[in-house]
Structure formats: C-alpha cells, structure tokens
Amino acid sequence: MIHGAYCVGCCWLLMALLFVGGVMNLLWITGLTVLVAGEKLLPNGRLLQQVSGAALILWGGTKILL
C-alpha cells in the first residue's frame, strides 16, 4: 500500500500524459517510452535527463510565446 501510494503520488502526471497521449497518438507514447527507458538504463541517464528536460522546457516556452 505504501509503495502504491508513493507511485501514484510521484507518477500521476506521467500516467495522465500516457493516457492522453496514448489516446491521441501512439508515436508520442513510443517516444516517451524510449526517453524514460534511456534515462533509466543508459550509463549517462542523468545527462539524458538534464538535456531532455532543458529541451522540453525550451520547446514549451516557444509554444507559449508563439
């Protein structure tokens, strides 16, 4: 129960994104799966996290401004 509550607490946004993206486009889900797997499995996963995070922030910023 504790682990389940922790998982729901930390991953609810990812699960919502997977649901919305999965309903809309399978390619988004595939890309997100590859990104998360790379962050977890690659030796330089921390670097991938930082680069992908910065890229997504920049992309979101451009979407807001344009």
PDB file of N, CA and C in Angstrom:
ATOM      1  N   MET A   1       0.827  -1.191   0.000  1.00  0.00           N
ATOM      2  CA  MET A   1       0.000   0.000   0.000  1.00  0.00           C
ATOM      3  C   MET A   1       0.869   1.252   0.000  1.00  0.00           C
ATOM      4  N   ILE A   2       1.931   1.240   0.796  1.00  0.00           N
ATOM      5  CA  ILE A   2       2.799   2.421   0.871  1.00  0.00           C
ATOM      6  C   ILE A   2       3.476   2.653  -0.467  1.00  0.00           C
ATOM      7  N   HIS A   3       3.994   1.574  -1.069  1.00  0.00           N
ATOM      8  CA  HIS A   3       4.654   1.719  -2.372  1.00  0.00           C
ATOM      9  C   HIS A   3       3.664   2.192  -3.438  1.00  0.00           C
ATOM     10  N   GLY A   4       2.459   1.654  -3.415  1.00  0.00           N
ATOM     11  CA  GLY A   4       1.446   2.075  -4.374  1.00  0.00           C
ATOM     12  C   GLY A   4       1.082   3.544  -4.220  1.00  0.00           C
ATOM     13  N   ALA A   5       0.951   3.991  -2.978  1.00  0.00           N
ATOM     14  CA  ALA A   5       0.646   5.407  -2.735  1.00  0.00           C
ATOM     15  C   ALA A   5       1.791   6.298  -3.187  1.00  0.00           C
ATOM     16  N   TYR A   6       3.026   5.852  -2.959  1.00  0.00           N
ATOM     17  CA  TYR A   6       4.195   6.623  -3.407  1.00  0.00           C
ATOM     18  C   TYR A   6       4.217   6.713  -4.932  1.00  0.00           C
ATOM     19  N   CYS A   7       3.944   5.603  -5.596  1.00  0.00           N
ATOM     20  CA  CYS A   7       3.948   5.569  -7.058  1.00  0.00           C
ATOM     21  C   CYS A   7       2.873   6.493  -7.633  1.00  0.00           C
ATOM     22  N   VAL A   8       1.692   6.453  -7.069  1.00  0.00           N
ATOM     23  CA  VAL A   8       0.619   7.337  -7.541  1.00  0.00           C
ATOM     24  C   VAL A   8       0.990   8.798  -7.288  1.00  0.00           C
ATOM     25  N   GLY A   9       1.601   9.068  -6.147  1.00  0.00           N
ATOM     26  CA  GLY A   9       1.967  10.442  -5.805  1.00  0.00           C
ATOM     27  C   GLY A   9       3.028  11.021  -6.711  1.00  0.00           C
ATOM     28  N   CYS A  10       4.001  10.208  -7.113  1.00  0.00           N
ATOM     29  CA  CYS A  10       5.101  10.761  -7.905  1.00  0.00           C
ATOM     30  C   CYS A  10       4.869  10.621  -9.408  1.00  0.00           C
ATOM     31  N   CYS A  11       3.998   9.731  -9.820  1.00  0.00           N
ATOM     32  CA  CYS A  11       3.873   9.433 -11.249  1.00  0.00           C
ATOM     33  C   CYS A  11       2.503   9.762 -11.836  1.00  0.00           C
ATOM     34  N   TRP A  12       1.647  10.453 -11.105  1.00  0.00           N
ATOM     35  CA  TRP A  12       0.295  10.685 -11.610  1.00  0.00           C
ATOM     36  C   TRP A  12       0.306  11.526 -12.880  1.00  0.00           C
ATOM     37  N   LEU A  13       1.238  12.488 -12.957  1.00  0.00           N
ATOM     38  CA  LEU A  13       1.286  13.336 -14.148  1.00  0.00           C
ATOM     39  C   LEU A  13       1.757  12.536 -15.362  1.00  0.00           C
ATOM     40  N   LEU A  14       2.736  11.668 -15.168  1.00  0.00           N
ATOM     41  CA  LEU A  14       3.200  10.814 -16.258  1.00  0.00           C
ATOM     42  C   LEU A  14       2.086   9.878 -16.715  1.00  0.00           C
ATOM     43  N   MET A  15       1.342   9.316 -15.789  1.00  0.00           N
ATOM     44  CA  MET A  15       0.239   8.430 -16.153  1.00  0.00           C
ATOM     45  C   MET A  15      -0.846   9.191 -16.921  1.00  0.00           C
ATOM     46  N   ALA A  16      -1.131  10.415 -16.496  1.00  0.00           N
ATOM     47  CA  ALA A  16      -2.115  11.235 -17.224  1.00  0.00           C
ATOM     48  C   ALA A  16      -1.614  11.549 -18.631  1.00  0.00           C
ATOM     49  N   LEU A  17      -0.323  11.858 -18.749  1.00  0.00           N
ATOM     50  CA  LEU A  17       0.262  12.130 -20.052  1.00  0.00           C
ATOM     51  C   LEU A  17       0.203  10.898 -20.941  1.00  0.00           C
ATOM     52  N   LEU A  18       0.511   9.733 -20.368  1.00  0.00           N
ATOM     53  CA  LEU A  18       0.429   8.497 -21.141  1.00  0.00           C
ATOM     54  C   LEU A  18      -0.996   8.224 -21.601  1.00  0.00           C
ATOM     55  N   PHE A  19      -1.970   8.498 -20.747  1.00  0.00           N
ATOM     56  CA  PHE A  19      -3.361   8.268 -21.137  1.00  0.00           C
ATOM     57  C   PHE A  19      -3.778   9.215 -22.259  1.00  0.00           C
ATOM     58  N   VAL A  20      -3.507  10.495 -22.083  1.00  0.00           N
ATOM     59  CA  VAL A  20      -3.908  11.482 -23.094  1.00  0.00           C
ATOM     60  C   VAL A  20      -3.132  11.275 -24.385  1.00  0.00           C
ATOM     61  N   GLY A  21      -1.830  11.093 -24.280  1.00  0.00           N
ATOM     62  CA  GLY A  21      -1.012  10.878 -25.473  1.00  0.00           C
ATOM     63  C   GLY A  21      -1.323   9.566 -26.159  1.00  0.00           C
ATOM     64  N   GLY A  22      -1.575   8.525 -25.367  1.00  0.00           N
ATOM     65  CA  GLY A  22      -1.868   7.221 -25.941  1.00  0.00           C
ATOM     66  C   GLY A  22      -3.179   7.196 -26.689  1.00  0.00           C
ATOM     67  N   VAL A  23      -4.138   7.943 -26.188  1.00  0.00           N
ATOM     68  CA  VAL A  23      -5.426   8.012 -26.868  1.00  0.00           C
ATOM     69  C   VAL A  23      -5.273   8.772 -28.180  1.00  0.00           C
ATOM     70  N   MET A  24      -4.386   9.761 -28.173  1.00  0.00           N
ATOM     71  CA  MET A  24      -4.243  10.622 -29.341  1.00  0.00           C
ATOM     72  C   MET A  24      -3.243  10.087 -30.375  1.00  0.00           C
ATOM     73  N   ASN A  25      -2.067   9.595 -29.910  1.00  0.00           N
ATOM     74  CA  ASN A  25      -1.021   9.273 -30.872  1.00  0.00           C
ATOM     75  C   ASN A  25      -0.065   8.235 -30.285  1.00  0.00           C
ATOM     76  N   LEU A  26       0.039   7.112 -30.942  1.00  0.00           N
ATOM     77  CA  LEU A  26       0.922   6.040 -30.489  1.00  0.00           C
ATOM     78  C   LEU A  26       2.398   6.426 -30.611  1.00  0.00           C
ATOM     79  N   LEU A  27       2.745   7.297 -31.551  1.00  0.00           N
ATOM     80  CA  LEU A  27       4.139   7.724 -31.701  1.00  0.00           C
ATOM     81  C   LEU A  27       4.627   8.518 -30.485  1.00  0.00           C
ATOM     82  N   TRP A  28       3.751   9.335 -29.882  1.00  0.00           N
ATOM     83  CA  TRP A  28       4.128  10.071 -28.673  1.00  0.00           C
ATOM     84  C   TRP A  28       4.458   9.107 -27.541  1.00  0.00           C
ATOM     85  N   ILE A  29       3.652   8.063 -27.401  1.00  0.00           N
ATOM     86  CA  ILE A  29       3.871   7.085 -26.341  1.00  0.00           C
ATOM     87  C   ILE A  29       5.158   6.328 -26.580  1.00  0.00           C
ATOM     88  N   THR A  30       5.436   5.977 -27.827  1.00  0.00           N
ATOM     89  CA  THR A  30       6.678   5.287 -28.154  1.00  0.00           C
ATOM     90  C   THR A  30       7.876   6.172 -27.835  1.00  0.00           C
ATOM     91  N   GLY A  31       7.815   7.427 -28.215  1.00  0.00           N
ATOM     92  CA  GLY A  31       8.914   8.354 -27.921  1.00  0.00           C
ATOM     93  C   GLY A  31       9.122   8.546 -26.433  1.00  0.00           C
ATOM     94  N   LEU A  32       8.041   8.683 -25.704  1.00  0.00           N
ATOM     95  CA  LEU A  32       8.135   8.845 -24.255  1.00  0.00           C
ATOM     96  C   LEU A  32       8.700   7.594 -23.589  1.00  0.00           C
ATOM     97  N   THR A  33       8.302   6.435 -24.094  1.00  0.00           N
ATOM     98  CA  THR A  33       8.820   5.170 -23.565  1.00  0.00           C
ATOM     99  C   THR A  33      10.317   5.047 -23.800  1.00  0.00           C
ATOM    100  N   VAL A  34      10.760   5.397 -24.989  1.00  0.00           N
ATOM    101  CA  VAL A  34      12.195   5.343 -25.302  1.00  0.00           C
ATOM    102  C   VAL A  34      12.964   6.329 -24.428  1.00  0.00           C
ATOM    103  N   LEU A  35      12.424   7.509 -24.225  1.00  0.00           N
ATOM    104  CA  LEU A  35      13.085   8.516 -23.388  1.00  0.00           C
ATOM    105  C   LEU A  35      13.211   8.035 -21.940  1.00  0.00           C
ATOM    106  N   VAL A  36      12.141   7.532 -21.368  1.00  0.00           N
ATOM    107  CA  VAL A  36      12.176   7.057 -19.984  1.00  0.00           C
ATOM    108  C   VAL A  36      13.100   5.849 -19.850  1.00  0.00           C
ATOM    109  N   ALA A  37      13.051   4.930 -20.809  1.00  0.00           N
ATOM    110  CA  ALA A  37      13.937   3.764 -20.764  1.00  0.00           C
ATOM    111  C   ALA A  37      15.395   4.198 -20.862  1.00  0.00           C
ATOM    112  N   GLY A  38      15.683   5.176 -21.710  1.00  0.00           N
ATOM    113  CA  GLY A  38      17.049   5.684 -21.820  1.00  0.00           C
ATOM    114  C   GLY A  38      17.522   6.331 -20.536  1.00  0.00           C
ATOM    115  N   GLU A  39      16.647   7.083 -19.893  1.00  0.00           N
ATOM    116  CA  GLU A  39      17.013   7.721 -18.626  1.00  0.00           C
ATOM    117  C   GLU A  39      17.306   6.688 -17.547  1.00  0.00           C
ATOM    118  N   LYS A  40      16.582   5.585 -17.566  1.00  0.00           N
ATOM    119  CA  LYS A  40      16.755   4.559 -16.534  1.00  0.00           C
ATOM    120  C   LYS A  40      17.893   3.592 -16.840  1.00  0.00           C
ATOM    121  N   LEU A  41      18.123   3.272 -18.110  1.00  0.00           N
ATOM    122  CA  LEU A  41      19.018   2.174 -18.461  1.00  0.00           C
ATOM    123  C   LEU A  41      20.397   2.594 -18.974  1.00  0.00           C
ATOM    124  N   LEU A  42      20.514   3.769 -19.549  1.00  0.00           N
ATOM    125  CA  LEU A  42      21.809   4.182 -20.096  1.00  0.00           C
ATOM    126  C   LEU A  42      22.771   4.581 -18.979  1.00  0.00           C
ATOM    127  N   PRO A  43      24.063   4.345 -19.201  1.00  0.00           N
ATOM    128  CA  PRO A  43      25.052   4.741 -18.180  1.00  0.00           C
ATOM    129  C   PRO A  43      25.046   6.246 -17.896  1.00  0.00           C
ATOM    130  N   ASN A  44      24.776   7.055 -18.899  1.00  0.00           N
ATOM    131  CA  ASN A  44      24.705   8.510 -18.730  1.00  0.00           C
ATOM    132  C   ASN A  44      23.250   8.972 -18.687  1.00  0.00           C
ATOM    133  N   GLY A  45      22.414   8.236 -17.984  1.00  0.00           N
ATOM    134  CA  GLY A  45      20.994   8.567 -17.913  1.00  0.00           C
ATOM    135  C   GLY A  45      20.739   9.924 -17.289  1.00  0.00           C
ATOM    136  N   ARG A  46      21.579  10.312 -16.342  1.00  0.00           N
ATOM    137  CA  ARG A  46      21.425  11.622 -15.688  1.00  0.00           C
ATOM    138  C   ARG A  46      21.624  12.751 -16.707  1.00  0.00           C
ATOM    139  N   LEU A  47      22.589  12.594 -17.590  1.00  0.00           N
ATOM    140  CA  LEU A  47      22.828  13.599 -18.633  1.00  0.00           C
ATOM    141  C   LEU A  47      21.636  13.664 -19.584  1.00  0.00           C
ATOM    142  N   LEU A  48      21.105  12.512 -19.946  1.00  0.00           N
ATOM    143  CA  LEU A  48      19.930  12.483 -20.808  1.00  0.00           C
ATOM    144  C   LEU A  48      18.747  13.172 -20.137  1.00  0.00           C
ATOM    145  N   GLN A  49      18.588  12.977 -18.833  1.00  0.00           N
ATOM    146  CA  GLN A  49      17.516  13.649 -18.099  1.00  0.00           C
ATOM    147  C   GLN A  49      17.649  15.157 -18.179  1.00  0.00           C
ATOM    148  N   GLN A  50      18.862  15.645 -17.984  1.00  0.00           N
ATOM    149  CA  GLN A  50      19.083  17.090 -17.990  1.00  0.00           C
ATOM    150  C   GLN A  50      18.889  17.687 -19.380  1.00  0.00           C
ATOM    151  N   VAL A  51      19.410  17.005 -20.392  1.00  0.00           N
ATOM    152  CA  VAL A  51      19.284  17.511 -21.766  1.00  0.00           C
ATOM    153  C   VAL A  51      17.826  17.471 -22.222  1.00  0.00           C
ATOM    154  N   SER A  52      17.147  16.354 -21.972  1.00  0.00           N
ATOM    155  CA  SER A  52      15.752  16.259 -22.406  1.00  0.00           C
ATOM    156  C   SER A  52      14.867  17.223 -21.620  1.00  0.00           C
ATOM    157  N   GLY A  53      15.156  17.411 -20.337  1.00  0.00           N
ATOM    158  CA  GLY A  53      14.399  18.378 -19.543  1.00  0.00           C
ATOM    159  C   GLY A  53      14.559  19.793 -20.069  1.00  0.00           C
ATOM    160  N   ALA A  54      15.805  20.174 -20.362  1.00  0.00           N
ATOM    161  CA  ALA A  54      16.054  21.517 -20.910  1.00  0.00           C
ATOM    162  C   ALA A  54      15.388  21.687 -22.270  1.00  0.00           C
ATOM    163  N   ALA A  55      15.465  20.655 -23.099  1.00  0.00           N
ATOM    164  CA  ALA A  55      14.844  20.732 -24.427  1.00  0.00           C
ATOM    165  C   ALA A  55      13.333  20.872 -24.325  1.00  0.00           C
ATOM    166  N   LEU A  56      12.710  20.132 -23.405  1.00  0.00           N
ATOM    167  CA  LEU A  56      11.257  20.220 -23.251  1.00  0.00           C
ATOM    168  C   LEU A  56      10.832  21.568 -22.673  1.00  0.00           C
ATOM    169  N   ILE A  57      11.643  22.121 -21.772  1.00  0.00           N
ATOM    170  CA  ILE A  57      11.339  23.449 -21.238  1.00  0.00           C
ATOM    171  C   ILE A  57      11.423  24.495 -22.346  1.00  0.00           C
ATOM    172  N   LEU A  58      12.461  24.426 -23.160  1.00  0.00           N
ATOM    173  CA  LEU A  58      12.598  25.367 -24.279  1.00  0.00           C
ATOM    174  C   LEU A  58      11.456  25.217 -25.279  1.00  0.00           C
ATOM    175  N   TRP A  59      11.101  23.973 -25.588  1.00  0.00           N
ATOM    176  CA  TRP A  59      10.015  23.739 -26.522  1.00  0.00           C
ATOM    177  C   TRP A  59       8.698  24.283 -25.976  1.00  0.00           C
ATOM    178  N   GLY A  60       8.437  24.044 -24.695  1.00  0.00           N
ATOM    179  CA  GLY A  60       7.225  24.577 -24.071  1.00  0.00           C
ATOM    180  C   GLY A  60       7.210  26.093 -24.063  1.00  0.00           C
ATOM    181  N   GLY A  61       8.375  26.685 -23.796  1.00  0.00           N
ATOM    182  CA  GLY A  61       8.477  28.149 -23.812  1.00  0.00           C
ATOM    183  C   GLY A  61       8.177  28.731 -25.191  1.00  0.00           C
ATOM    184  N   THR A  62       8.673  28.072 -26.225  1.00  0.00           N
ATOM    185  CA  THR A  62       8.394  28.570 -27.574  1.00  0.00           C
ATOM    186  C   THR A  62       6.918  28.402 -27.926  1.00  0.00           C
ATOM    187  N   LYS A  63       6.307  27.330 -27.434  1.00  0.00           N
ATOM    188  CA  LYS A  63       4.877  27.139 -27.679  1.00  0.00           C
ATOM    189  C   LYS A  63       4.036  28.222 -27.001  1.00  0.00           C
ATOM    190  N   ILE A  64       4.468  28.641 -25.820  1.00  0.00           N
ATOM    191  CA  ILE A  64       3.746  29.686 -25.103  1.00  0.00           C
ATOM    192  C   ILE A  64       3.907  31.026 -25.819  1.00  0.00           C
ATOM    193  N   LEU A  65       5.130  31.308 -26.262  1.00  0.00           N
ATOM    194  CA  LEU A  65       5.405  32.605 -26.879  1.00  0.00           C
ATOM    195  C   LEU A  65       4.867  32.728 -28.301  1.00  0.00           C
ATOM    196  N   LEU A  66       4.772  31.618 -28.996  1.00  0.00           N
ATOM    197  CA  LEU A  66       4.317  31.679 -30.388  1.00  0.00           C
ATOM    198  C   LEU A  66       2.898  31.280 -30.456  1.00  0.00           C
TER     199      LEU A  66
END
